[in-house]
Amino acid sequence: MNSSGESAPAGAGTAPSADPWSAANWTAEPVLTVPTGPAQSPQPVPSARRRGKALPGMVALGLALVGLVVEIVAITIAAPASATETSWAVASVLAWIANGLTLAGVVTGLVAVVARLGRWWGAPAIVLGLLANPWLQVTVLGALS
């Protein structure tokens, strides 16, 4: 049916309508063009979606950095000779949180590198997450002693 209430002929739905907001005129990714000069053809403008592709890598690096900071805080709480049972318990909980954050940073970094979603952010996240992981540090230092 058209806007006046009458039914449209059989092939009428294929032509673009005059309404710019109709579904027939919509394309999934519009290409914007910028004229480069009077005699040159317009060049396509890069899509703004490319910036969002690095988000998983940035998140991975952020998780690994936050895990490192939490681990430093846990070591600072537990390191003094005057540390009490309560401070050891708090440091233990913070170490488990740091363990989870660094592990999440490594896994997210692996996803970012493999899927090419911010691999320049994901690769350092993997390295930092592995080096800052408290469980891995205890395991390696225990094996070396």
Protein backbone atom coordinates (compact mmCIF):
# COMPACT_ATOMS: atom_id res chain seq x y z
CA MET A 1 0.00 0.00 0.00
CA ASN A 2 1.16 3.50 -0.68
CA SER A 3 0.65 6.61 1.45
CA SER A 4 -2.83 7.29 -0.02
CA GLY A 5 -4.11 3.85 1.04
CA GLU A 6 -4.14 2.27 -2.43
CA SER A 7 -2.24 -0.91 -3.17
CA ALA A 8 0.96 -0.43 -5.14
CA PRO A 9 1.62 -2.21 -8.45
CA ALA A 10 3.74 -5.39 -8.40
CA GLY A 11 7.17 -3.88 -9.23
CA ALA A 12 6.75 -0.56 -7.45
CA GLY A 13 8.55 -1.50 -4.22
CA THR A 14 11.99 -1.72 -5.85
CA ALA A 15 12.43 1.93 -6.81
CA PRO A 16 13.89 4.24 -4.16
CA SER A 17 11.27 6.40 -2.52
CA ALA A 18 11.36 10.15 -2.16
CA ASP A 19 11.57 9.79 1.63
CA PRO A 20 15.30 9.82 2.57
CA TRP A 21 14.58 7.95 5.83
CA SER A 22 12.86 4.95 4.25
CA ALA A 23 14.44 1.50 4.54
CA ALA A 24 14.89 1.28 0.77
CA ASN A 25 17.33 4.20 0.78
CA TRP A 26 19.34 3.02 3.82
CA THR A 27 22.78 1.47 3.34
CA ALA A 28 24.70 -0.39 6.03
CA GLU A 29 27.82 1.78 5.87
CA PRO A 30 27.66 5.12 4.08
CA VAL A 31 30.79 6.26 2.29
CA LEU A 32 31.51 9.94 2.61
CA THR A 33 33.56 11.61 -0.08
CA VAL A 34 35.62 14.76 0.02
CA PRO A 35 36.54 16.57 -3.17
CA THR A 36 40.32 16.80 -3.46
CA GLY A 37 40.47 19.44 -6.14
CA PRO A 38 38.60 20.88 -9.10
CA ALA A 39 39.72 18.24 -11.61
CA GLN A 40 40.14 15.22 -9.33
CA SER A 41 37.59 12.66 -8.30
CA PRO A 42 36.49 12.61 -4.66
CA GLN A 43 38.35 10.31 -2.23
CA PRO A 44 36.56 8.18 0.39
CA VAL A 45 36.85 9.34 4.00
CA PRO A 46 37.93 6.65 6.49
CA SER A 47 35.10 5.42 8.65
CA ALA A 48 34.93 6.43 12.31
CA ARG A 49 34.37 2.76 13.19
CA ARG A 50 38.09 2.02 12.96
CA ARG A 51 38.76 3.73 16.30
CA GLY A 52 36.43 1.33 18.11
CA LYS A 53 38.32 -1.70 16.84
CA ALA A 54 41.15 -1.18 19.34
CA LEU A 55 38.84 -1.25 22.36
CA PRO A 56 39.51 -4.89 23.41
CA GLY A 57 43.26 -4.28 23.37
CA MET A 58 42.87 -1.09 25.42
CA VAL A 59 40.64 -2.89 27.91
CA ALA A 60 43.21 -5.69 28.20
CA LEU A 61 46.02 -3.27 28.95
CA GLY A 62 43.83 -1.44 31.45
CA LEU A 63 43.00 -4.69 33.27
CA ALA A 64 46.66 -5.67 33.43
CA LEU A 65 47.66 -2.22 34.73
CA VAL A 66 44.94 -2.19 37.39
CA GLY A 67 46.01 -5.71 38.41
CA LEU A 68 49.60 -4.48 38.79
CA VAL A 69 48.49 -1.54 40.93
CA VAL A 70 46.36 -3.80 43.15
CA GLU A 71 49.33 -6.15 43.57
CA ILE A 72 51.62 -3.25 44.56
CA VAL A 73 49.04 -2.13 47.13
CA ALA A 74 48.79 -5.69 48.50
CA ILE A 75 52.58 -5.96 48.83
CA THR A 76 52.71 -2.55 50.50
CA ILE A 77 50.11 -3.63 53.06
CA ALA A 78 51.76 -6.98 53.84
CA ALA A 79 55.44 -5.96 53.66
CA PRO A 80 56.03 -4.10 56.96
CA ALA A 81 57.36 -6.15 59.87
CA SER A 82 54.49 -4.82 61.94
CA ALA A 83 51.89 -6.43 59.65
CA THR A 84 49.01 -7.94 61.59
CA GLU A 85 46.69 -10.83 60.81
CA THR A 86 44.15 -8.37 59.47
CA SER A 87 46.62 -6.71 57.12
CA TRP A 88 47.71 -10.15 55.89
CA ALA A 89 44.08 -11.07 55.23
CA VAL A 90 43.48 -7.82 53.33
CA ALA A 91 46.68 -8.33 51.33
CA SER A 92 45.65 -11.90 50.54
CA VAL A 93 42.27 -10.78 49.20
CA LEU A 94 43.96 -8.04 47.16
CA ALA A 95 46.41 -10.61 45.77
CA TRP A 96 43.50 -12.79 44.60
CA ILE A 97 41.88 -9.73 43.00
CA ALA A 98 45.19 -8.89 41.28
CA ASN A 99 45.42 -12.50 40.12
CA GLY A 100 41.96 -12.28 38.52
CA LEU A 101 42.60 -8.88 36.94
CA THR A 102 45.93 -9.89 35.40
CA LEU A 103 44.47 -13.17 34.15
CA ALA A 104 41.55 -11.28 32.59
CA GLY A 105 44.07 -8.88 31.00
CA VAL A 106 46.03 -11.77 29.50
CA VAL A 107 42.91 -13.49 28.11
CA THR A 108 41.48 -10.25 26.72
CA GLY A 109 44.90 -9.39 25.27
CA LEU A 110 45.05 -12.77 23.54
CA VAL A 111 41.60 -12.17 22.06
CA ALA A 112 42.66 -8.71 20.91
CA VAL A 113 45.84 -10.01 19.26
CA VAL A 114 44.23 -13.01 17.57
CA ALA A 115 41.15 -11.11 16.38
CA ARG A 116 43.22 -8.05 15.37
CA LEU A 117 41.22 -5.78 17.65
CA GLY A 118 43.93 -3.54 19.02
CA ARG A 119 46.88 -5.88 18.88
CA TRP A 120 49.34 -3.05 19.67
CA TRP A 121 47.49 -2.65 22.98
CA GLY A 122 46.88 -6.37 23.52
CA ALA A 123 50.48 -7.56 23.15
CA PRO A 124 51.84 -5.41 26.01
CA ALA A 125 48.79 -6.41 28.06
CA ILE A 126 49.76 -10.08 27.69
CA VAL A 127 53.35 -9.43 28.76
CA LEU A 128 52.37 -7.17 31.67
CA GLY A 129 49.61 -9.53 32.80
CA LEU A 130 51.99 -12.49 32.88
CA LEU A 131 54.74 -10.62 34.68
CA ALA A 132 52.39 -9.01 37.22
CA ASN A 133 50.39 -12.16 38.04
CA PRO A 134 51.03 -12.93 41.74
CA TRP A 135 50.33 -16.66 41.43
CA LEU A 136 52.79 -16.99 38.54
CA GLN A 137 55.40 -14.99 40.46
CA VAL A 138 55.10 -17.23 43.52
CA THR A 139 55.26 -20.37 41.37
CA VAL A 140 58.34 -19.25 39.43
CA LEU A 141 60.17 -17.93 42.52
CA GLY A 142 59.30 -21.12 44.43
CA ALA A 143 60.69 -23.26 41.61
CA LEU A 144 63.92 -21.23 41.50
CA SER A 145 64.62 -21.46 45.23
